[in-house]
Amino acid sequence: MVDREERHNVDFSRLGIFHFCVQLPKEQFASAIKRVEEFGGKVRMDIHRYHPEDDSKQAQMVYLEDPFGNLFEFYSHSYEDTYASDYE
């Protein structure tokens, strides 16, 4: 993987859509990232796990970039599962 500075260098002044998100089944998460790289895309950050202290919650996300410079995001779980609260 490239170093952190290069992966996090994003031009926020670009006009248009900043990014979009694709929800993938957890089983396809790693292989989808690999396919993006095989087709000339880049991984723009380390894979983030939302609840690293809780093994029952495996939600992950990552930002990527296509060969044309467009950012997009992969989620391994639904938005509801990712941000659900266990507080009563």
Foldseek 3Di string as FASTA:
>chain_A
DDDLVVLQDADPPDDDDQEEEDEDALVCVVVVQVVQVVQPKAWSDDKDAQCVPDPVGGWIKTWIAHNVGHIYMYINDDPCSSPPDPDD
